[in-house]
Amino acid sequence: MQLISRILTLPLAIGLASPALMVQAQEKASANGYLEGGYEHDSNVTVDELNSSADESDQAWVFDAGLEGILKPTERLNVTLGYSLSGRRYQNLDEFDQDIHLLSADVSYDFDPVTVGTSYYYSHATLGADPFLDFRRASVYLGSLLAEDVYLRGSLQD
């Protein structure tokens, strides 16, 4: 009988402690994601960035998906990592198909009343099946909440 009570005690203790462990894990890390899709008709297929137009209409499948992870190793340290992919697939005009990949990272520390951080963004776009645009931006920033609805942020960007 003692063996049975010991065998049942461990799962019961884990079961009772797991909500507290889950709350602690949610305070330290969280993840968010989204997925969107649809179908659209474009009466004049264009690439705005190139001022290029097909002078034709076409239908396209469109999609957008993303994932963001937030880590809080300490109460004041915040690490955010993200990735998203959006695109468009035309039925007839394949040369206008688009993909945009966006990768981001942000690390900040709250010194109260000032937050200091750094961020990095990388974007890669394709048009048709060919590379179209690569964009990188790195920054350091300093921000402070001045009033309940006013946040002032200064940054240096490269």
C-alpha atoms as a PDB file:
ATOM      1  CA  MET A   1       0.000   0.000   0.000  1.00  0.00           C
ATOM      2  CA  GLN A   2       2.887   2.342   0.742  1.00  0.00           C
ATOM      3  CA  LEU A   3       4.291   1.745  -2.765  1.00  0.00           C
ATOM      4  CA  ILE A   4       0.944   2.676  -4.339  1.00  0.00           C
ATOM      5  CA  SER A   5       0.731   5.927  -2.344  1.00  0.00           C
ATOM      6  CA  ARG A   6       4.290   6.852  -3.390  1.00  0.00           C
ATOM      7  CA  ILE A   7       3.499   6.100  -7.037  1.00  0.00           C
ATOM      8  CA  LEU A   8       0.374   8.270  -6.868  1.00  0.00           C
ATOM      9  CA  THR A   9       2.069  11.085  -4.923  1.00  0.00           C
ATOM     10  CA  LEU A  10       4.514  12.042  -7.710  1.00  0.00           C
ATOM     11  CA  PRO A  11       1.904  12.502 -10.487  1.00  0.00           C
ATOM     12  CA  LEU A  12      -0.380  14.296  -8.052  1.00  0.00           C
ATOM     13  CA  ALA A  13       2.422  16.678  -7.004  1.00  0.00           C
ATOM     14  CA  ILE A  14       3.356  17.330 -10.641  1.00  0.00           C
ATOM     15  CA  GLY A  15      -0.302  17.899 -11.517  1.00  0.00           C
ATOM     16  CA  LEU A  16      -0.747  20.385  -8.694  1.00  0.00           C
ATOM     17  CA  ALA A  17       2.526  22.211  -9.481  1.00  0.00           C
ATOM     18  CA  SER A  18       2.062  22.366 -13.266  1.00  0.00           C
ATOM     19  CA  PRO A  19      -0.300  25.398 -13.285  1.00  0.00           C
ATOM     20  CA  ALA A  20       2.265  27.355 -11.262  1.00  0.00           C
ATOM     21  CA  LEU A  21       5.041  26.211 -13.606  1.00  0.00           C
ATOM     22  CA  MET A  22       2.963  27.187 -16.650  1.00  0.00           C
ATOM     23  CA  VAL A  23       2.298  30.669 -15.224  1.00  0.00           C
ATOM     24  CA  GLN A  24       6.016  31.117 -14.550  1.00  0.00           C
ATOM     25  CA  ALA A  25       6.883  29.923 -18.081  1.00  0.00           C
ATOM     26  CA  GLN A  26       4.328  32.336 -19.590  1.00  0.00           C
ATOM     27  CA  GLU A  27       5.916  35.187 -17.659  1.00  0.00           C
ATOM     28  CA  LYS A  28       9.343  34.275 -19.084  1.00  0.00           C
ATOM     29  CA  ALA A  29       8.377  33.403 -22.666  1.00  0.00           C
ATOM     30  CA  SER A  30       5.436  33.658 -25.010  1.00  0.00           C
ATOM     31  CA  ALA A  31       4.745  33.126 -28.678  1.00  0.00           C
ATOM     32  CA  ASN A  32       2.195  34.680 -31.022  1.00  0.00           C
ATOM     33  CA  GLY A  33       1.357  33.790 -34.575  1.00  0.00           C
ATOM     34  CA  TYR A  34      -1.072  34.530 -37.342  1.00  0.00           C
ATOM     35  CA  LEU A  35      -2.085  33.104 -40.700  1.00  0.00           C
ATOM     36  CA  GLU A  36      -4.155  34.884 -43.335  1.00  0.00           C
ATOM     37  CA  GLY A  37      -5.079  33.961 -46.857  1.00  0.00           C
ATOM     38  CA  GLY A  38      -7.407  34.927 -49.636  1.00  0.00           C
ATOM     39  CA  TYR A  39      -8.073  35.333 -53.309  1.00  0.00           C
ATOM     40  CA  GLU A  40      -8.225  38.676 -55.098  1.00  0.00           C
ATOM     41  CA  HIS A  41      -8.892  40.159 -58.505  1.00  0.00           C
ATOM     42  CA  ASP A  42      -6.541  42.893 -59.709  1.00  0.00           C
ATOM     43  CA  SER A  43      -7.839  44.921 -62.650  1.00  0.00           C
ATOM     44  CA  ASN A  44      -4.357  46.239 -63.508  1.00  0.00           C
ATOM     45  CA  VAL A  45      -1.471  44.142 -62.145  1.00  0.00           C
ATOM     46  CA  THR A  46       1.364  46.449 -61.093  1.00  0.00           C
ATOM     47  CA  VAL A  47       4.572  46.597 -59.089  1.00  0.00           C
ATOM     48  CA  ASP A  48       4.347  49.965 -57.363  1.00  0.00           C
ATOM     49  CA  GLU A  49       8.043  50.033 -56.417  1.00  0.00           C
ATOM     50  CA  LEU A  50       9.022  49.794 -60.100  1.00  0.00           C
ATOM     51  CA  ASN A  51       6.169  51.875 -61.523  1.00  0.00           C
ATOM     52  CA  SER A  52       5.613  48.851 -63.731  1.00  0.00           C
ATOM     53  CA  SER A  53       2.221  47.765 -65.018  1.00  0.00           C
ATOM     54  CA  ALA A  54       1.052  44.734 -66.989  1.00  0.00           C
ATOM     55  CA  ASP A  55      -1.985  46.625 -68.316  1.00  0.00           C
ATOM     56  CA  GLU A  56      -3.836  43.340 -67.751  1.00  0.00           C
ATOM     57  CA  SER A  57      -6.107  41.963 -65.089  1.00  0.00           C
ATOM     58  CA  ASP A  58      -5.487  38.728 -63.190  1.00  0.00           C
ATOM     59  CA  GLN A  59      -6.511  36.858 -60.068  1.00  0.00           C
ATOM     60  CA  ALA A  60      -4.096  35.970 -57.290  1.00  0.00           C
ATOM     61  CA  TRP A  61      -3.895  33.867 -54.172  1.00  0.00           C
ATOM     62  CA  VAL A  62      -2.586  36.050 -51.335  1.00  0.00           C
ATOM     63  CA  PHE A  63      -1.156  34.914 -48.013  1.00  0.00           C
ATOM     64  CA  ASP A  64       0.447  36.354 -44.922  1.00  0.00           C
ATOM     65  CA  ALA A  65       1.874  34.402 -41.978  1.00  0.00           C
ATOM     66  CA  GLY A  66       4.019  35.312 -39.047  1.00  0.00           C
ATOM     67  CA  LEU A  67       5.435  34.146 -35.758  1.00  0.00           C
ATOM     68  CA  GLU A  68       6.783  36.202 -32.859  1.00  0.00           C
ATOM     69  CA  GLY A  69       8.524  34.992 -29.730  1.00  0.00           C
ATOM     70  CA  ILE A  70       9.001  37.123 -26.636  1.00  0.00           C
ATOM     71  CA  LEU A  71      11.536  36.150 -23.991  1.00  0.00           C
ATOM     72  CA  LYS A  72      11.881  37.840 -20.606  1.00  0.00           C
ATOM     73  CA  PRO A  73      14.972  36.350 -18.942  1.00  0.00           C
ATOM     74  CA  THR A  74      14.584  38.952 -16.171  1.00  0.00           C
ATOM     75  CA  GLU A  75      11.785  41.343 -15.286  1.00  0.00           C
ATOM     76  CA  ARG A  76      13.453  44.272 -17.064  1.00  0.00           C
ATOM     77  CA  LEU A  77      15.139  42.490 -19.998  1.00  0.00           C
ATOM     78  CA  ASN A  78      13.005  41.882 -23.077  1.00  0.00           C
ATOM     79  CA  VAL A  79      14.025  39.890 -26.185  1.00  0.00           C
ATOM     80  CA  THR A  80      11.643  39.747 -29.153  1.00  0.00           C
ATOM     81  CA  LEU A  81      12.272  37.629 -32.261  1.00  0.00           C
ATOM     82  CA  GLY A  82       9.981  37.555 -35.274  1.00  0.00           C
ATOM     83  CA  TYR A  83       9.556  36.157 -38.764  1.00  0.00           C
ATOM     84  CA  SER A  84       6.864  36.799 -41.338  1.00  0.00           C
ATOM     85  CA  LEU A  85       6.199  35.783 -44.918  1.00  0.00           C
ATOM     86  CA  SER A  86       3.685  37.405 -47.232  1.00  0.00           C
ATOM     87  CA  GLY A  87       3.090  36.728 -50.881  1.00  0.00           C
ATOM     88  CA  ARG A  88       0.936  36.795 -53.926  1.00  0.00           C
ATOM     89  CA  ARG A  89       0.556  34.125 -56.650  1.00  0.00           C
ATOM     90  CA  TYR A  90      -1.081  35.259 -59.887  1.00  0.00           C
ATOM     91  CA  GLN A  91      -2.898  32.788 -62.090  1.00  0.00           C
ATOM     92  CA  ASN A  92      -1.493  33.980 -65.448  1.00  0.00           C
ATOM     93  CA  LEU A  93       1.146  36.659 -64.797  1.00  0.00           C
ATOM     94  CA  ASP A  94       3.820  34.639 -62.965  1.00  0.00           C
ATOM     95  CA  GLU A  95       6.396  37.404 -63.448  1.00  0.00           C
ATOM     96  CA  PHE A  96       4.398  39.507 -60.929  1.00  0.00           C
ATOM     97  CA  ASP A  97       4.368  36.851 -58.180  1.00  0.00           C
ATOM     98  CA  GLN A  98       5.798  38.300 -54.964  1.00  0.00           C
ATOM     99  CA  ASP A  99       7.260  37.030 -51.696  1.00  0.00           C
ATOM    100  CA  ILE A 100       8.447  39.178 -48.814  1.00  0.00           C
ATOM    101  CA  HIS A 101      10.364  37.606 -45.926  1.00  0.00           C
ATOM    102  CA  LEU A 102      10.895  39.738 -42.818  1.00  0.00           C
ATOM    103  CA  LEU A 103      13.149  38.707 -39.945  1.00  0.00           C
ATOM    104  CA  SER A 104      13.394  40.885 -36.831  1.00  0.00           C
ATOM    105  CA  ALA A 105      15.138  40.930 -33.469  1.00  0.00           C
ATOM    106  CA  ASP A 106      14.878  43.419 -30.627  1.00  0.00           C
ATOM    107  CA  VAL A 107      16.630  43.468 -27.258  1.00  0.00           C
ATOM    108  CA  SER A 108      15.739  46.104 -24.660  1.00  0.00           C
ATOM    109  CA  TYR A 109      16.344  46.794 -21.002  1.00  0.00           C
ATOM    110  CA  ASP A 110      14.058  48.934 -18.850  1.00  0.00           C
ATOM    111  CA  PHE A 111      16.113  51.151 -16.543  1.00  0.00           C
ATOM    112  CA  ASP A 112      12.939  52.953 -15.372  1.00  0.00           C
ATOM    113  CA  PRO A 113      12.128  55.607 -16.470  1.00  0.00           C
ATOM    114  CA  VAL A 114      14.281  55.032 -19.583  1.00  0.00           C
ATOM    115  CA  THR A 115      14.362  51.978 -21.867  1.00  0.00           C
ATOM    116  CA  VAL A 116      17.533  51.297 -23.871  1.00  0.00           C
ATOM    117  CA  GLY A 117      17.489  48.843 -26.747  1.00  0.00           C
ATOM    118  CA  THR A 118      18.772  47.683 -30.076  1.00  0.00           C
ATOM    119  CA  SER A 119      16.935  46.183 -33.033  1.00  0.00           C
ATOM    120  CA  TYR A 120      17.709  44.557 -36.355  1.00  0.00           C
ATOM    121  CA  TYR A 121      15.435  44.001 -39.340  1.00  0.00           C
ATOM    122  CA  TYR A 122      16.190  42.026 -42.485  1.00  0.00           C
ATOM    123  CA  SER A 123      13.830  41.855 -45.431  1.00  0.00           C
ATOM    124  CA  HIS A 124      14.202  39.799 -48.592  1.00  0.00           C
ATOM    125  CA  ALA A 125      11.737  40.228 -51.459  1.00  0.00           C
ATOM    126  CA  THR A 126      11.368  38.284 -54.680  1.00  0.00           C
ATOM    127  CA  LEU A 127       9.497  39.216 -57.836  1.00  0.00           C
ATOM    128  CA  GLY A 128       8.669  36.355 -60.137  1.00  0.00           C
ATOM    129  CA  ALA A 129      11.260  33.830 -59.017  1.00  0.00           C
ATOM    130  CA  ASP A 130      14.093  36.380 -58.968  1.00  0.00           C
ATOM    131  CA  PRO A 131      15.550  38.334 -56.040  1.00  0.00           C
ATOM    132  CA  PHE A 132      14.068  41.822 -56.028  1.00  0.00           C
ATOM    133  CA  LEU A 133      15.142  43.640 -52.859  1.00  0.00           C
ATOM    134  CA  ASP A 134      17.270  43.023 -49.767  1.00  0.00           C
ATOM    135  CA  PHE A 135      16.936  45.493 -46.926  1.00  0.00           C
ATOM    136  CA  ARG A 136      18.748  45.631 -43.589  1.00  0.00           C
ATOM    137  CA  ARG A 137      18.241  48.073 -40.755  1.00  0.00           C
ATOM    138  CA  ALA A 138      20.035  48.134 -37.431  1.00  0.00           C
ATOM    139  CA  SER A 139      19.287  50.657 -34.708  1.00  0.00           C
ATOM    140  CA  VAL A 140      19.918  51.581 -31.123  1.00  0.00           C
ATOM    141  CA  TYR A 141      17.254  53.488 -29.268  1.00  0.00           C
ATOM    142  CA  LEU A 142      16.368  55.256 -26.071  1.00  0.00           C
ATOM    143  CA  GLY A 143      12.740  55.668 -25.028  1.00  0.00           C
ATOM    144  CA  SER A 144      10.656  56.897 -22.134  1.00  0.00           C
ATOM    145  CA  LEU A 145       6.975  57.054 -21.237  1.00  0.00           C
ATOM    146  CA  LEU A 146       6.370  60.758 -20.596  1.00  0.00           C
ATOM    147  CA  ALA A 147       2.674  60.615 -19.845  1.00  0.00           C
ATOM    148  CA  GLU A 148       0.015  57.918 -19.853  1.00  0.00           C
ATOM    149  CA  ASP A 149      -0.340  58.187 -23.640  1.00  0.00           C
ATOM    150  CA  VAL A 150       2.956  59.813 -24.745  1.00  0.00           C
ATOM    151  CA  TYR A 151       6.047  57.717 -25.453  1.00  0.00           C
ATOM    152  CA  LEU A 152       9.148  59.505 -26.712  1.00  0.00           C
ATOM    153  CA  ARG A 153      11.757  57.469 -28.578  1.00  0.00           C
ATOM    154  CA  GLY A 154      14.990  58.546 -30.181  1.00  0.00           C
ATOM    155  CA  SER A 155      17.079  56.222 -32.315  1.00  0.00           C
ATOM    156  CA  LEU A 156      20.167  55.977 -34.472  1.00  0.00           C
ATOM    157  CA  GLN A 157      19.668  53.803 -37.541  1.00  0.00           C
ATOM    158  CA  ASP A 158      21.948  52.274 -40.100  1.00  0.00           C
END
